[in-house]
Amino acid sequence: MATERDYKEEYKYHKTDAQKKRRAGRNKARRDALASGKVQKGDKKDVHHKDGNPKNNKSSNVAVVSRKKNRGAYRFS
């Protein structure tokens, strides 16, 4: 049976400076893709960082993929 989530512990992680910078990098990639027309608001697509580094927003490292592919189980294997 699954254990209950400890939201207080999760919040401690989410408010760290390192996590804020990673989140900002992911948000910037999405904004850049919106501005260039690669994605649209509500299109159910994610901006995928090929090397897994959300701070690396070079065009060669960023791809637009479906949510299912980007958030799939392969990340946890």
PDB file of N, CA and C in Angstrom:
ATOM      1  N   MET A   1       0.842  -1.185   0.000  1.00  0.00           N
ATOM      2  CA  MET A   1       0.000   0.000   0.000  1.00  0.00           C
ATOM      3  C   MET A   1       0.885   1.244   0.000  1.00  0.00           C
ATOM      4  N   ALA A   2       0.485   2.246  -0.720  1.00  0.00           N
ATOM      5  CA  ALA A   2       1.262   3.471  -0.834  1.00  0.00           C
ATOM      6  C   ALA A   2       1.250   4.250   0.473  1.00  0.00           C
ATOM      7  N   THR A   3       2.330   4.933   0.740  1.00  0.00           N
ATOM      8  CA  THR A   3       2.402   5.762   1.935  1.00  0.00           C
ATOM      9  C   THR A   3       1.829   7.139   1.625  1.00  0.00           C
ATOM     10  N   GLU A   4       1.438   7.844   2.658  1.00  0.00           N
ATOM     11  CA  GLU A   4       0.903   9.189   2.464  1.00  0.00           C
ATOM     12  C   GLU A   4       2.035  10.148   2.127  1.00  0.00           C
ATOM     13  N   ARG A   5       1.716  11.141   1.328  1.00  0.00           N
ATOM     14  CA  ARG A   5       2.708  12.145   0.961  1.00  0.00           C
ATOM     15  C   ARG A   5       2.933  13.103   2.122  1.00  0.00           C
ATOM     16  N   ASP A   6       4.165  13.521   2.275  1.00  0.00           N
ATOM     17  CA  ASP A   6       4.514  14.502   3.297  1.00  0.00           C
ATOM     18  C   ASP A   6       4.703  15.851   2.592  1.00  0.00           C
ATOM     19  N   TYR A   7       3.641  16.616   2.522  1.00  0.00           N
ATOM     20  CA  TYR A   7       3.663  17.863   1.767  1.00  0.00           C
ATOM     21  C   TYR A   7       4.631  18.883   2.361  1.00  0.00           C
ATOM     22  N   LYS A   8       4.821  18.885   3.659  1.00  0.00           N
ATOM     23  CA  LYS A   8       5.765  19.818   4.275  1.00  0.00           C
ATOM     24  C   LYS A   8       7.185  19.528   3.790  1.00  0.00           C
ATOM     25  N   GLU A   9       7.537  18.249   3.702  1.00  0.00           N
ATOM     26  CA  GLU A   9       8.867  17.878   3.218  1.00  0.00           C
ATOM     27  C   GLU A   9       9.027  18.237   1.745  1.00  0.00           C
ATOM     28  N   GLU A  10       7.979  18.017   0.947  1.00  0.00           N
ATOM     29  CA  GLU A  10       8.033  18.372  -0.465  1.00  0.00           C
ATOM     30  C   GLU A  10       8.224  19.873  -0.633  1.00  0.00           C
ATOM     31  N   TYR A  11       7.537  20.664   0.168  1.00  0.00           N
ATOM     32  CA  TYR A  11       7.645  22.115   0.055  1.00  0.00           C
ATOM     33  C   TYR A  11       9.064  22.575   0.363  1.00  0.00           C
ATOM     34  N   LYS A  12       9.713  21.923   1.315  1.00  0.00           N
ATOM     35  CA  LYS A  12      11.102  22.277   1.628  1.00  0.00           C
ATOM     36  C   LYS A  12      11.978  22.131   0.389  1.00  0.00           C
ATOM     37  N   TYR A  13      11.709  21.087  -0.401  1.00  0.00           N
ATOM     38  CA  TYR A  13      12.475  20.869  -1.632  1.00  0.00           C
ATOM     39  C   TYR A  13      12.127  21.918  -2.677  1.00  0.00           C
ATOM     40  N   HIS A  14      10.847  22.195  -2.853  1.00  0.00           N
ATOM     41  CA  HIS A  14      10.415  23.113  -3.903  1.00  0.00           C
ATOM     42  C   HIS A  14      10.879  24.543  -3.674  1.00  0.00           C
ATOM     43  N   LYS A  15      11.160  24.912  -2.450  1.00  0.00           N
ATOM     44  CA  LYS A  15      11.568  26.293  -2.196  1.00  0.00           C
ATOM     45  C   LYS A  15      13.089  26.478  -2.179  1.00  0.00           C
ATOM     46  N   THR A  16      13.861  25.418  -2.456  1.00  0.00           N
ATOM     47  CA  THR A  16      15.311  25.578  -2.499  1.00  0.00           C
ATOM     48  C   THR A  16      15.699  26.405  -3.724  1.00  0.00           C
ATOM     49  N   ASP A  17      16.808  27.107  -3.629  1.00  0.00           N
ATOM     50  CA  ASP A  17      17.263  27.940  -4.742  1.00  0.00           C
ATOM     51  C   ASP A  17      17.531  27.119  -5.993  1.00  0.00           C
ATOM     52  N   ALA A  18      18.120  25.943  -5.826  1.00  0.00           N
ATOM     53  CA  ALA A  18      18.428  25.105  -6.987  1.00  0.00           C
ATOM     54  C   ALA A  18      17.148  24.702  -7.719  1.00  0.00           C
ATOM     55  N   GLN A  19      16.125  24.312  -6.975  1.00  0.00           N
ATOM     56  CA  GLN A  19      14.872  23.909  -7.609  1.00  0.00           C
ATOM     57  C   GLN A  19      14.176  25.098  -8.264  1.00  0.00           C
ATOM     58  N   LYS A  20      14.252  26.271  -7.661  1.00  0.00           N
ATOM     59  CA  LYS A  20      13.654  27.464  -8.266  1.00  0.00           C
ATOM     60  C   LYS A  20      14.309  27.773  -9.603  1.00  0.00           C
ATOM     61  N   LYS A  21      15.637  27.597  -9.693  1.00  0.00           N
ATOM     62  CA  LYS A  21      16.350  27.860 -10.948  1.00  0.00           C
ATOM     63  C   LYS A  21      15.985  26.836 -12.013  1.00  0.00           C
ATOM     64  N   ARG A  22      15.828  25.572 -11.626  1.00  0.00           N
ATOM     65  CA  ARG A  22      15.406  24.543 -12.594  1.00  0.00           C
ATOM     66  C   ARG A  22      14.003  24.840 -13.106  1.00  0.00           C
ATOM     67  N   ARG A  23      13.108  25.213 -12.207  1.00  0.00           N
ATOM     68  CA  ARG A  23      11.735  25.550 -12.605  1.00  0.00           C
ATOM     69  C   ARG A  23      11.726  26.760 -13.537  1.00  0.00           C
ATOM     70  N   ALA A  24      12.549  27.761 -13.241  1.00  0.00           N
ATOM     71  CA  ALA A  24      12.625  28.949 -14.090  1.00  0.00           C
ATOM     72  C   ALA A  24      13.136  28.582 -15.481  1.00  0.00           C
ATOM     73  N   GLY A  25      14.083  27.663 -15.553  1.00  0.00           N
ATOM     74  CA  GLY A  25      14.601  27.212 -16.841  1.00  0.00           C
ATOM     75  C   GLY A  25      13.532  26.508 -17.672  1.00  0.00           C
ATOM     76  N   ARG A  26      12.731  25.658 -17.019  1.00  0.00           N
ATOM     77  CA  ARG A  26      11.641  24.978 -17.723  1.00  0.00           C
ATOM     78  C   ARG A  26      10.598  25.985 -18.201  1.00  0.00           C
ATOM     79  N   ASN A  27      10.270  26.959 -17.354  1.00  0.00           N
ATOM     80  CA  ASN A  27       9.297  27.986 -17.741  1.00  0.00           C
ATOM     81  C   ASN A  27       9.800  28.822 -18.907  1.00  0.00           C
ATOM     82  N   LYS A  28      11.080  29.147 -18.909  1.00  0.00           N
ATOM     83  CA  LYS A  28      11.657  29.944 -19.993  1.00  0.00           C
ATOM     84  C   LYS A  28      11.621  29.171 -21.310  1.00  0.00           C
ATOM     85  N   ALA A  29      11.907  27.888 -21.262  1.00  0.00           N
ATOM     86  CA  ALA A  29      11.853  27.077 -22.476  1.00  0.00           C
ATOM     87  C   ALA A  29      10.448  27.078 -23.049  1.00  0.00           C
ATOM     88  N   ARG A  30       9.450  26.972 -22.180  1.00  0.00           N
ATOM     89  CA  ARG A  30       8.055  26.979 -22.636  1.00  0.00           C
ATOM     90  C   ARG A  30       7.693  28.339 -23.241  1.00  0.00           C
ATOM     91  N   ARG A  31       8.102  29.422 -22.578  1.00  0.00           N
ATOM     92  CA  ARG A  31       7.817  30.770 -23.102  1.00  0.00           C
ATOM     93  C   ARG A  31       8.473  30.974 -24.464  1.00  0.00           C
ATOM     94  N   ASP A  32       9.722  30.523 -24.615  1.00  0.00           N
ATOM     95  CA  ASP A  32      10.424  30.662 -25.896  1.00  0.00           C
ATOM     96  C   ASP A  32       9.710  29.880 -26.999  1.00  0.00           C
ATOM     97  N   ALA A  33       9.231  28.672 -26.659  1.00  0.00           N
ATOM     98  CA  ALA A  33       8.506  27.865 -27.642  1.00  0.00           C
ATOM     99  C   ALA A  33       7.175  28.518 -28.015  1.00  0.00           C
ATOM    100  N   LEU A  34       6.525  29.142 -27.051  1.00  0.00           N
ATOM    101  CA  LEU A  34       5.285  29.875 -27.345  1.00  0.00           C
ATOM    102  C   LEU A  34       5.558  31.044 -28.288  1.00  0.00           C
ATOM    103  N   ALA A  35       6.620  31.787 -28.001  1.00  0.00           N
ATOM    104  CA  ALA A  35       6.947  32.964 -28.805  1.00  0.00           C
ATOM    105  C   ALA A  35       7.317  32.581 -30.237  1.00  0.00           C
ATOM    106  N   SER A  36       7.952  31.448 -30.416  1.00  0.00           N
ATOM    107  CA  SER A  36       8.367  31.033 -31.758  1.00  0.00           C
ATOM    108  C   SER A  36       7.271  30.267 -32.491  1.00  0.00           C
ATOM    109  N   GLY A  37       6.163  29.975 -31.823  1.00  0.00           N
ATOM    110  CA  GLY A  37       5.046  29.298 -32.462  1.00  0.00           C
ATOM    111  C   GLY A  37       5.145  27.780 -32.470  1.00  0.00           C
ATOM    112  N   LYS A  38       6.100  27.219 -31.761  1.00  0.00           N
ATOM    113  CA  LYS A  38       6.256  25.755 -31.727  1.00  0.00           C
ATOM    114  C   LYS A  38       5.158  25.092 -30.909  1.00  0.00           C
ATOM    115  N   VAL A  39       4.645  25.789 -29.898  1.00  0.00           N
ATOM    116  CA  VAL A  39       3.550  25.278 -29.082  1.00  0.00           C
ATOM    117  C   VAL A  39       2.497  26.371 -28.955  1.00  0.00           C
ATOM    118  N   GLN A  40       1.312  25.959 -28.545  1.00  0.00           N
ATOM    119  CA  GLN A  40       0.247  26.905 -28.285  1.00  0.00           C
ATOM    120  C   GLN A  40      -0.313  26.620 -26.906  1.00  0.00           C
ATOM    121  N   LYS A  41      -0.891  27.622 -26.312  1.00  0.00           N
ATOM    122  CA  LYS A  41      -1.502  27.455 -25.007  1.00  0.00           C
ATOM    123  C   LYS A  41      -2.628  26.429 -25.096  1.00  0.00           C
ATOM    124  N   GLY A  42      -2.603  25.447 -24.219  1.00  0.00           N
ATOM    125  CA  GLY A  42      -3.645  24.440 -24.186  1.00  0.00           C
ATOM    126  C   GLY A  42      -3.482  23.313 -25.188  1.00  0.00           C
ATOM    127  N   ASP A  43      -2.318  23.176 -25.827  1.00  0.00           N
ATOM    128  CA  ASP A  43      -2.141  22.146 -26.851  1.00  0.00           C
ATOM    129  C   ASP A  43      -1.727  20.781 -26.290  1.00  0.00           C
ATOM    130  N   LYS A  44      -1.601  20.690 -24.971  1.00  0.00           N
ATOM    131  CA  LYS A  44      -1.251  19.436 -24.290  1.00  0.00           C
ATOM    132  C   LYS A  44       0.101  18.888 -24.729  1.00  0.00           C
ATOM    133  N   LYS A  45       1.034  19.786 -24.992  1.00  0.00           N
ATOM    134  CA  LYS A  45       2.398  19.411 -25.343  1.00  0.00           C
ATOM    135  C   LYS A  45       3.337  19.903 -24.253  1.00  0.00           C
ATOM    136  N   ASP A  46       4.467  19.213 -24.110  1.00  0.00           N
ATOM    137  CA  ASP A  46       5.511  19.627 -23.181  1.00  0.00           C
ATOM    138  C   ASP A  46       6.761  19.988 -23.969  1.00  0.00           C
ATOM    139  N   VAL A  47       7.583  20.845 -23.391  1.00  0.00           N
ATOM    140  CA  VAL A  47       8.880  21.158 -23.962  1.00  0.00           C
ATOM    141  C   VAL A  47       9.884  20.257 -23.249  1.00  0.00           C
ATOM    142  N   HIS A  48      10.483  19.353 -24.001  1.00  0.00           N
ATOM    143  CA  HIS A  48      11.375  18.326 -23.457  1.00  0.00           C
ATOM    144  C   HIS A  48      12.830  18.759 -23.580  1.00  0.00           C
ATOM    145  N   HIS A  49      13.577  18.634 -22.490  1.00  0.00           N
ATOM    146  CA  HIS A  49      15.023  18.883 -22.511  1.00  0.00           C
ATOM    147  C   HIS A  49      15.712  17.545 -22.728  1.00  0.00           C
ATOM    148  N   LYS A  50      16.344  17.380 -23.874  1.00  0.00           N
ATOM    149  CA  LYS A  50      16.908  16.094 -24.262  1.00  0.00           C
ATOM    150  C   LYS A  50      17.979  15.602 -23.290  1.00  0.00           C
ATOM    151  N   ASP A  51      18.800  16.519 -22.769  1.00  0.00           N
ATOM    152  CA  ASP A  51      19.863  16.093 -21.852  1.00  0.00           C
ATOM    153  C   ASP A  51      19.412  16.096 -20.392  1.00  0.00           C
ATOM    154  N   GLY A  52      18.160  16.443 -20.138  1.00  0.00           N
ATOM    155  CA  GLY A  52      17.637  16.432 -18.779  1.00  0.00           C
ATOM    156  C   GLY A  52      17.993  17.652 -17.953  1.00  0.00           C
ATOM    157  N   ASN A  53      18.712  18.599 -18.531  1.00  0.00           N
ATOM    158  CA  ASN A  53      19.130  19.805 -17.822  1.00  0.00           C
ATOM    159  C   ASN A  53      18.199  20.954 -18.204  1.00  0.00           C
ATOM    160  N   PRO A  54      17.295  21.357 -17.303  1.00  0.00           N
ATOM    161  CA  PRO A  54      16.342  22.416 -17.662  1.00  0.00           C
ATOM    162  C   PRO A  54      16.978  23.790 -17.831  1.00  0.00           C
ATOM    163  N   LYS A  55      18.227  23.944 -17.441  1.00  0.00           N
ATOM    164  CA  LYS A  55      18.902  25.234 -17.634  1.00  0.00           C
ATOM    165  C   LYS A  55      19.492  25.355 -19.038  1.00  0.00           C
ATOM    166  N   ASN A  56      19.618  24.235 -19.754  1.00  0.00           N
ATOM    167  CA  ASN A  56      20.171  24.232 -21.102  1.00  0.00           C
ATOM    168  C   ASN A  56      19.028  24.379 -22.101  1.00  0.00           C
ATOM    169  N   ASN A  57      18.759  25.600 -22.520  1.00  0.00           N
ATOM    170  CA  ASN A  57      17.644  25.869 -23.416  1.00  0.00           C
ATOM    171  C   ASN A  57      18.076  26.108 -24.853  1.00  0.00           C
ATOM    172  N   LYS A  58      19.202  25.523 -25.258  1.00  0.00           N
ATOM    173  CA  LYS A  58      19.640  25.624 -26.653  1.00  0.00           C
ATOM    174  C   LYS A  58      18.625  24.915 -27.536  1.00  0.00           C
ATOM    175  N   SER A  59      18.452  25.404 -28.746  1.00  0.00           N
ATOM    176  CA  SER A  59      17.457  24.811 -29.641  1.00  0.00           C
ATOM    177  C   SER A  59      17.778  23.354 -29.958  1.00  0.00           C
ATOM    178  N   SER A  60      19.056  22.983 -29.930  1.00  0.00           N
ATOM    179  CA  SER A  60      19.429  21.593 -30.203  1.00  0.00           C
ATOM    180  C   SER A  60      19.090  20.667 -29.038  1.00  0.00           C
ATOM    181  N   ASN A  61      18.807  21.227 -27.869  1.00  0.00           N
ATOM    182  CA  ASN A  61      18.509  20.424 -26.684  1.00  0.00           C
ATOM    183  C   ASN A  61      17.019  20.382 -26.351  1.00  0.00           C
ATOM    184  N   VAL A  62      16.221  21.177 -27.038  1.00  0.00           N
ATOM    185  CA  VAL A  62      14.807  21.304 -26.693  1.00  0.00           C
ATOM    186  C   VAL A  62      13.959  20.722 -27.818  1.00  0.00           C
ATOM    187  N   ALA A  63      12.937  19.951 -27.433  1.00  0.00           N
ATOM    188  CA  ALA A  63      11.999  19.388 -28.406  1.00  0.00           C
ATOM    189  C   ALA A  63      10.589  19.471 -27.836  1.00  0.00           C
ATOM    190  N   VAL A  64       9.611  19.597 -28.714  1.00  0.00           N
ATOM    191  CA  VAL A  64       8.212  19.612 -28.305  1.00  0.00           C
ATOM    192  C   VAL A  64       7.686  18.190 -28.450  1.00  0.00           C
ATOM    193  N   VAL A  65       7.185  17.638 -27.347  1.00  0.00           N
ATOM    194  CA  VAL A  65       6.679  16.266 -27.339  1.00  0.00           C
ATOM    195  C   VAL A  65       5.342  16.224 -26.608  1.00  0.00           C
ATOM    196  N   SER A  66       4.658  15.097 -26.724  1.00  0.00           N
ATOM    197  CA  SER A  66       3.393  14.941 -26.016  1.00  0.00           C
ATOM    198  C   SER A  66       3.658  14.830 -24.521  1.00  0.00           C
ATOM    199  N   ARG A  67       2.663  15.150 -23.727  1.00  0.00           N
ATOM    200  CA  ARG A  67       2.789  15.018 -22.273  1.00  0.00           C
ATOM    201  C   ARG A  67       3.092  13.579 -21.892  1.00  0.00           C
ATOM    202  N   LYS A  68       2.420  12.657 -22.564  1.00  0.00           N
ATOM    203  CA  LYS A  68       2.590  11.242 -22.239  1.00  0.00           C
ATOM    204  C   LYS A  68       4.039  10.805 -22.426  1.00  0.00           C
ATOM    205  N   LYS A  69       4.663  11.243 -23.498  1.00  0.00           N
ATOM    206  CA  LYS A  69       6.050  10.860 -23.750  1.00  0.00           C
ATOM    207  C   LYS A  69       6.997  11.530 -22.748  1.00  0.00           C
ATOM    208  N   ASN A  70       6.769  12.802 -22.473  1.00  0.00           N
ATOM    209  CA  ASN A  70       7.686  13.535 -21.604  1.00  0.00           C
ATOM    210  C   ASN A  70       7.563  13.129 -20.141  1.00  0.00           C
ATOM    211  N   ARG A  71       6.382  12.746 -19.718  1.00  0.00           N
ATOM    212  CA  ARG A  71       6.156  12.424 -18.305  1.00  0.00           C
ATOM    213  C   ARG A  71       5.999  10.925 -18.081  1.00  0.00           C
ATOM    214  N   GLY A  72       6.400  10.134 -19.047  1.00  0.00           N
ATOM    215  CA  GLY A  72       6.188   8.698 -19.009  1.00  0.00           C
ATOM    216  C   GLY A  72       7.045   7.970 -17.984  1.00  0.00           C
ATOM    217  N   ALA A  73       6.813   6.678 -17.880  1.00  0.00           N
ATOM    218  CA  ALA A  73       7.452   5.821 -16.880  1.00  0.00           C
ATOM    219  C   ALA A  73       8.957   5.676 -17.110  1.00  0.00           C
ATOM    220  N   TYR A  74       9.449   5.972 -18.321  1.00  0.00           N
ATOM    221  CA  TYR A  74      10.872   5.797 -18.589  1.00  0.00           C
ATOM    222  C   TYR A  74      11.739   6.618 -17.636  1.00  0.00           C
ATOM    223  N   ARG A  75      11.212   7.686 -17.094  1.00  0.00           N
ATOM    224  CA  ARG A  75      11.974   8.543 -16.191  1.00  0.00           C
ATOM    225  C   ARG A  75      12.274   7.849 -14.874  1.00  0.00           C
ATOM    226  N   PHE A  76      11.471   6.878 -14.516  1.00  0.00           N
ATOM    227  CA  PHE A  76      11.601   6.251 -13.201  1.00  0.00           C
ATOM    228  C   PHE A  76      12.245   4.875 -13.261  1.00  0.00           C
ATOM    229  N   SER A  77      12.635   4.433 -14.415  1.00  0.00           N
ATOM    230  CA  SER A  77      13.219   3.090 -14.523  1.00  0.00           C
ATOM    231  C   SER A  77      14.712   3.110 -14.266  1.00  0.00           C
TER     232      SER A  77
END
